[in-house]
Amino acid sequence: MRISRLLPLAVLAALVLPAAPTGSAATAPAVPTLVGIQAARHPGFDRVVFEFRGGLPASRRVRYVDRLLADASGLPVRIAGRAVLRVRFEAARAHDAHGSTVPGRTAFALPDVMTTVRAGDFESVTTYGIGLAKRTRVHVFTLRHPSRVVIDLRAAFPTVNRKVWFLDRNRFLANEPPFFTPRLRPVRPSTPGTGLMDRLFAGPLTAEKAGGLRLLRSGARGFSHLSITDGVARVRLTGGCTSHGSTVTIADEIKPTLRQLAAVRWVKIYDLAGHTERPTGHSDSVPTCLEP
């Protein structure tokens, strides 16, 4: 008669369970953290620097895109400029245990570089868009000590300084007019109206924000259909339009910003559908969505 023998429990466990690791426990490699974004003007080019703590990302992909899309949702991300350069870092993150380590949106007053805007910080992939005045040649390289990814953009084209108006939040809250104040921005002389509107939607610089300046968007995400004829500037808001019941709106920024141009005496602002209260004649006009 054949007799089956049971294996001892200790032997059975050794066959089924993985062996416990010896020595110190294995740790996942550290993911570089984005800790700074700077931009500066150099002779003939603008330079944008992404600084990292913990080394450089293994992958750096830089290319021009038609639209900046959010990594997680695929939805368009609001960004100002005539061209968008997408910068993608992997593996890298833009946060730590305390939150974001760099701003999600920063404006710059450089000839080409207008703004940097975060489009993703998810599963060790960090994506930013750089909004530009013009699509130009790009050169990318890295530096160490500290770890940096450097992007140089050719900007050997002429610009002139023009004023862009922003809401002075401190004066508005204190009810001390004027509520809007101008700041100088470089714009290309061949397309000053477009350049001014792009600079407006790029928003105040970091130091200007600290001083209380804000971009009052009134729900708008951008603009289109800008034209200047017979002394009248016409521009359509995109993405949204609402006064939120306020007596101050984006119209109070757009009007003085465009009216400083010699060819502009009146400004007509249109809603998403192309409607404004006084579409004809020599007069200013706003859409009903900007009424209090």
Protein backbone atom coordinates (compact mmCIF):
# COMPACT_ATOMS: atom_id res chain seq x y z
CA MET A 1 0.00 0.00 0.00
CA ARG A 2 1.28 3.46 -0.98
CA ILE A 3 1.54 5.94 1.91
CA SER A 4 1.55 9.74 1.38
CA ARG A 5 3.68 11.80 3.69
CA LEU A 6 2.83 15.42 4.66
CA LEU A 7 5.60 17.95 4.28
CA PRO A 8 6.52 19.80 7.46
CA LEU A 9 4.88 23.26 7.67
CA ALA A 10 8.25 25.04 7.77
CA VAL A 11 9.29 23.39 4.48
CA LEU A 12 5.95 24.22 2.85
CA ALA A 13 6.24 27.92 3.82
CA ALA A 14 9.70 28.08 2.34
CA LEU A 15 8.33 26.79 -0.97
CA VAL A 16 5.38 29.23 -1.14
CA LEU A 17 6.56 32.50 0.42
CA PRO A 18 9.32 34.71 -1.07
CA ALA A 19 12.47 34.95 0.95
CA ALA A 20 12.73 38.04 3.12
CA PRO A 21 15.30 40.57 1.87
CA THR A 22 18.56 40.61 3.70
CA GLY A 23 20.35 43.77 4.75
CA SER A 24 18.71 47.22 4.44
CA ALA A 25 15.32 47.49 2.71
CA ALA A 26 15.38 48.53 -0.96
CA THR A 27 14.32 52.15 -1.56
CA ALA A 28 12.85 53.73 -4.68
CA PRO A 29 15.15 56.16 -6.52
CA ALA A 30 14.60 59.80 -5.63
CA VAL A 31 12.57 61.83 -8.14
CA PRO A 32 14.09 65.23 -9.02
CA THR A 33 11.98 68.13 -7.81
CA LEU A 34 11.53 71.35 -9.77
CA VAL A 35 12.34 74.16 -7.34
CA GLY A 36 12.79 77.26 -9.50
CA ILE A 37 11.91 78.85 -12.85
CA GLN A 38 13.79 81.94 -13.94
CA ALA A 39 13.95 83.85 -17.21
CA ALA A 40 16.28 86.63 -18.32
CA ARG A 41 17.25 88.66 -21.35
CA HIS A 42 20.66 88.12 -22.99
CA PRO A 43 22.10 89.74 -26.14
CA GLY A 44 20.05 88.30 -28.99
CA PHE A 45 18.15 85.68 -26.97
CA ASP A 46 15.91 85.01 -23.97
CA ARG A 47 16.89 82.30 -21.51
CA VAL A 48 14.50 80.19 -19.39
CA VAL A 49 16.05 78.07 -16.62
CA PHE A 50 14.33 75.19 -14.80
CA GLU A 51 16.22 74.33 -11.61
CA PHE A 52 15.92 70.94 -9.89
CA ARG A 53 16.73 69.49 -6.50
CA GLY A 54 17.87 65.88 -6.49
CA GLY A 55 19.48 65.74 -9.91
CA LEU A 56 18.28 66.17 -13.47
CA PRO A 57 15.20 64.49 -14.97
CA ALA A 58 16.12 61.49 -17.08
CA SER A 59 14.05 62.77 -20.02
CA ARG A 60 13.64 66.35 -21.27
CA ARG A 61 11.39 66.87 -24.29
CA VAL A 62 10.95 70.34 -25.78
CA ARG A 63 8.79 71.09 -28.82
CA TYR A 64 6.37 73.64 -30.25
CA VAL A 65 2.66 72.80 -30.01
CA ASP A 66 -0.49 74.37 -31.42
CA ARG A 67 -2.18 74.29 -28.00
CA LEU A 68 -1.08 73.59 -24.46
CA LEU A 69 -3.09 70.67 -23.08
CA ALA A 70 -3.35 69.47 -19.49
CA ASP A 71 -1.61 66.13 -18.97
CA ALA A 72 -4.36 64.52 -16.91
CA SER A 73 -7.52 65.80 -18.63
CA GLY A 74 -6.34 66.70 -22.12
CA LEU A 75 -8.24 70.00 -21.84
CA PRO A 76 -6.71 73.26 -23.14
CA VAL A 77 -4.66 75.24 -20.63
CA ARG A 78 -4.88 79.04 -20.75
CA ILE A 79 -1.59 80.55 -21.96
CA ALA A 80 -0.78 83.87 -23.64
CA GLY A 81 1.37 84.32 -26.72
CA ARG A 82 1.70 83.82 -30.45
CA ALA A 83 3.61 80.54 -30.01
CA VAL A 84 3.70 77.85 -27.32
CA LEU A 85 6.78 75.80 -26.47
CA ARG A 86 5.95 72.68 -24.44
CA VAL A 87 8.59 71.44 -22.00
CA ARG A 88 8.12 67.96 -20.51
CA PHE A 89 10.28 66.47 -17.74
CA GLU A 90 10.25 62.78 -16.77
CA ALA A 91 10.85 61.65 -14.08
CA ALA A 92 10.29 64.92 -12.23
CA ARG A 93 7.79 66.59 -9.96
CA ALA A 94 6.86 70.16 -9.07
CA HIS A 95 5.70 69.51 -5.50
CA ASP A 96 6.77 68.07 -2.18
CA ALA A 97 4.98 67.11 1.02
CA HIS A 98 4.12 70.77 1.65
CA GLY A 99 2.61 71.50 -1.78
CA SER A 100 3.84 73.11 -5.01
CA THR A 101 7.53 73.97 -5.11
CA VAL A 102 7.22 76.44 -7.99
CA PRO A 103 4.44 78.75 -9.23
CA GLY A 104 2.01 77.31 -11.71
CA ARG A 105 1.92 80.55 -13.70
CA THR A 106 4.56 83.28 -14.02
CA ALA A 107 4.74 86.33 -16.33
CA PHE A 108 7.96 87.83 -17.72
CA ALA A 109 8.65 91.15 -19.46
CA LEU A 110 11.15 89.83 -22.01
CA PRO A 111 11.17 90.39 -25.78
CA ASP A 112 10.04 86.83 -26.60
CA VAL A 113 9.21 85.06 -23.34
CA MET A 114 5.86 86.17 -21.91
CA THR A 115 4.89 83.45 -19.46
CA THR A 116 5.47 79.96 -18.12
CA VAL A 117 2.36 77.90 -17.30
CA ARG A 118 2.18 74.47 -15.69
CA ALA A 119 0.16 71.88 -17.63
CA GLY A 120 0.91 68.80 -15.54
CA ASP A 121 2.49 67.44 -12.36
CA PHE A 122 1.33 63.83 -12.24
CA GLU A 123 2.99 60.44 -11.78
CA SER A 124 6.52 61.87 -11.95
CA VAL A 125 5.84 63.78 -15.17
CA THR A 126 5.96 67.58 -15.05
CA THR A 127 4.92 69.68 -18.04
CA TYR A 128 5.15 73.43 -18.61
CA GLY A 129 4.25 75.66 -21.51
CA ILE A 130 6.28 78.76 -22.43
CA GLY A 131 4.17 81.47 -24.07
CA LEU A 132 6.16 83.44 -26.63
CA ALA A 133 5.76 86.58 -28.70
CA LYS A 134 7.19 84.76 -31.71
CA ARG A 135 8.21 81.26 -32.71
CA THR A 136 12.00 81.24 -32.91
CA ARG A 137 14.97 78.88 -32.87
CA VAL A 138 15.47 76.91 -29.64
CA HIS A 139 18.62 75.58 -27.98
CA VAL A 140 18.41 73.25 -24.95
CA PHE A 141 21.24 72.14 -22.65
CA THR A 142 21.83 71.18 -19.02
CA LEU A 143 24.00 72.45 -16.19
CA ARG A 144 24.92 70.99 -12.80
CA HIS A 145 25.66 72.31 -9.33
CA PRO A 146 22.80 73.13 -9.16
CA SER A 147 20.97 70.89 -11.62
CA ARG A 148 19.35 72.98 -14.36
CA VAL A 149 17.68 72.59 -17.74
CA VAL A 150 18.37 75.69 -19.83
CA ILE A 151 16.31 76.78 -22.83
CA ASP A 152 17.58 79.59 -25.03
CA LEU A 153 15.19 81.23 -27.49
CA ARG A 154 16.44 83.53 -30.20
CA ALA A 155 15.00 87.03 -29.70
CA ALA A 156 16.97 89.24 -32.05
CA PHE A 157 13.95 91.23 -33.18
CA PRO A 158 13.01 94.83 -32.33
CA THR A 159 10.52 95.72 -29.59
CA VAL A 160 9.09 98.92 -28.18
CA ASN A 161 7.84 99.52 -24.65
CA ARG A 162 4.10 100.05 -24.30
CA LYS A 163 1.77 100.24 -21.31
CA VAL A 164 -0.55 97.48 -20.15
CA TRP A 165 -3.19 98.24 -17.51
CA PHE A 166 -3.92 95.94 -14.55
CA LEU A 167 -6.28 96.12 -11.60
CA ASP A 168 -4.70 97.56 -8.44
CA ARG A 169 -6.39 95.32 -5.90
CA ASN A 170 -5.25 97.35 -2.90
CA ARG A 171 -6.64 100.62 -4.25
CA PHE A 172 -9.86 98.92 -5.29
CA LEU A 173 -10.44 97.40 -1.84
CA ALA A 174 -9.67 100.76 -0.24
CA ASN A 175 -12.00 102.51 -2.73
CA GLU A 176 -9.20 104.85 -3.81
CA PRO A 177 -9.37 105.53 -7.57
CA PRO A 178 -7.80 105.06 -10.00
CA PHE A 179 -8.30 101.33 -9.71
CA PHE A 180 -6.18 100.44 -12.75
CA THR A 181 -2.51 101.19 -13.21
CA PRO A 182 -0.15 100.72 -16.20
CA ARG A 183 3.07 98.74 -16.44
CA LEU A 184 5.53 98.71 -19.32
CA ARG A 185 5.91 95.68 -21.57
CA PRO A 186 7.98 95.06 -24.72
CA VAL A 187 5.90 94.51 -27.87
CA ARG A 188 6.82 93.99 -31.49
CA PRO A 189 6.24 97.27 -33.42
CA SER A 190 4.80 95.39 -36.40
CA THR A 191 1.85 94.04 -34.34
CA PRO A 192 1.48 96.32 -31.30
CA GLY A 193 -2.22 95.65 -30.69
CA THR A 194 -1.79 91.88 -30.62
CA GLY A 195 1.34 92.22 -28.53
CA LEU A 196 -0.43 94.39 -25.96
CA MET A 197 -3.36 92.00 -25.65
CA ASP A 198 -1.01 89.04 -25.25
CA ARG A 199 0.90 90.87 -22.53
CA LEU A 200 -2.34 91.74 -20.79
CA PHE A 201 -3.45 88.09 -20.68
CA ALA A 202 0.02 87.01 -19.52
CA GLY A 203 -0.74 88.98 -16.35
CA PRO A 204 1.38 90.94 -13.87
CA LEU A 205 4.97 90.01 -13.05
CA THR A 206 5.79 88.31 -9.76
CA ALA A 207 6.89 91.57 -8.10
CA GLU A 208 3.81 93.37 -9.45
CA LYS A 209 1.56 90.68 -7.97
CA ALA A 210 3.28 91.14 -4.63
CA GLY A 211 2.42 94.85 -4.90
CA GLY A 212 -1.28 94.09 -5.41
CA LEU A 213 -1.68 94.11 -9.20
CA ARG A 214 -4.02 91.55 -10.73
CA LEU A 215 -5.31 90.55 -14.15
CA LEU A 216 -9.07 91.03 -13.99
CA ARG A 217 -10.21 88.51 -16.62
CA SER A 218 -13.98 88.69 -16.08
CA GLY A 219 -14.16 85.04 -17.10
CA ALA A 220 -12.26 85.50 -20.37
CA ARG A 221 -9.46 83.08 -21.25
CA GLY A 222 -8.09 85.03 -24.18
CA PHE A 223 -9.02 87.08 -27.24
CA SER A 224 -9.51 86.80 -30.99
CA HIS A 225 -10.57 88.81 -34.05
CA LEU A 226 -8.51 91.88 -33.13
CA SER A 227 -8.72 94.59 -35.79
CA ILE A 228 -8.10 98.34 -36.00
CA THR A 229 -9.91 100.33 -38.70
CA ASP A 230 -11.03 103.93 -38.95
CA GLY A 231 -9.89 104.71 -35.43
CA VAL A 232 -11.85 101.81 -33.89
CA ALA A 233 -10.21 98.78 -32.28
CA ARG A 234 -12.41 95.69 -32.19
CA VAL A 235 -11.62 92.62 -30.12
CA ARG A 236 -13.58 89.50 -29.14
CA LEU A 237 -13.24 87.76 -25.77
CA THR A 238 -12.86 83.97 -25.73
CA GLY A 239 -13.58 81.34 -23.13
CA GLY A 240 -16.11 83.28 -21.06
CA CYS A 241 -17.50 86.70 -20.19
CA THR A 242 -19.09 87.93 -16.96
CA SER A 243 -18.89 91.02 -14.79
CA HIS A 244 -19.80 89.02 -11.68
CA GLY A 245 -21.99 92.02 -10.82
CA SER A 246 -18.98 94.35 -10.53
CA THR A 247 -18.64 97.86 -11.91
CA VAL A 248 -15.02 97.12 -12.90
CA THR A 249 -14.23 94.51 -15.56
CA ILE A 250 -11.63 93.49 -18.08
CA ALA A 251 -12.96 96.29 -20.31
CA ASP A 252 -11.27 98.77 -17.96
CA GLU A 253 -7.95 97.13 -18.77
CA ILE A 254 -8.46 96.62 -22.49
CA LYS A 255 -9.67 100.14 -23.32
CA PRO A 256 -6.67 102.16 -22.08
CA THR A 257 -4.25 99.46 -23.21
CA LEU A 258 -5.43 99.68 -26.84
CA ARG A 259 -6.33 103.37 -26.82
CA GLN A 260 -2.69 104.38 -26.28
CA LEU A 261 -2.01 103.38 -29.89
CA ALA A 262 -2.06 106.33 -32.27
CA ALA A 263 -4.45 104.52 -34.62
CA VAL A 264 -7.04 103.86 -31.88
CA ARG A 265 -9.60 106.34 -30.51
CA TRP A 266 -12.43 103.97 -29.60
CA VAL A 267 -12.53 100.35 -28.43
CA LYS A 268 -15.38 97.91 -29.04
CA ILE A 269 -15.29 94.65 -27.06
CA TYR A 270 -17.37 91.66 -28.20
CA ASP A 271 -18.54 88.54 -26.38
CA LEU A 272 -17.95 84.95 -27.50
CA ALA A 273 -20.80 85.09 -30.00
CA GLY A 274 -19.55 88.35 -31.55
CA HIS A 275 -22.10 90.68 -29.90
CA THR A 276 -21.56 94.12 -28.40
CA GLU A 277 -23.98 96.84 -27.33
CA ARG A 278 -22.95 99.46 -29.94
CA PRO A 279 -21.42 97.61 -32.88
CA THR A 280 -21.42 100.60 -35.25
CA GLY A 281 -20.26 104.18 -35.06
CA HIS A 282 -17.38 106.01 -33.43
CA SER A 283 -17.85 105.02 -29.80
CA ASP A 284 -16.66 102.62 -27.16
CA SER A 285 -18.77 99.53 -26.59
CA VAL A 286 -18.91 96.50 -24.30
CA PRO A 287 -21.07 93.35 -24.46
CA THR A 288 -23.97 92.98 -22.07
CA CYS A 289 -22.08 90.27 -20.17
CA LEU A 290 -19.72 92.98 -18.86
CA GLU A 291 -22.52 95.13 -17.50
CA PRO A 292 -22.94 95.08 -13.68
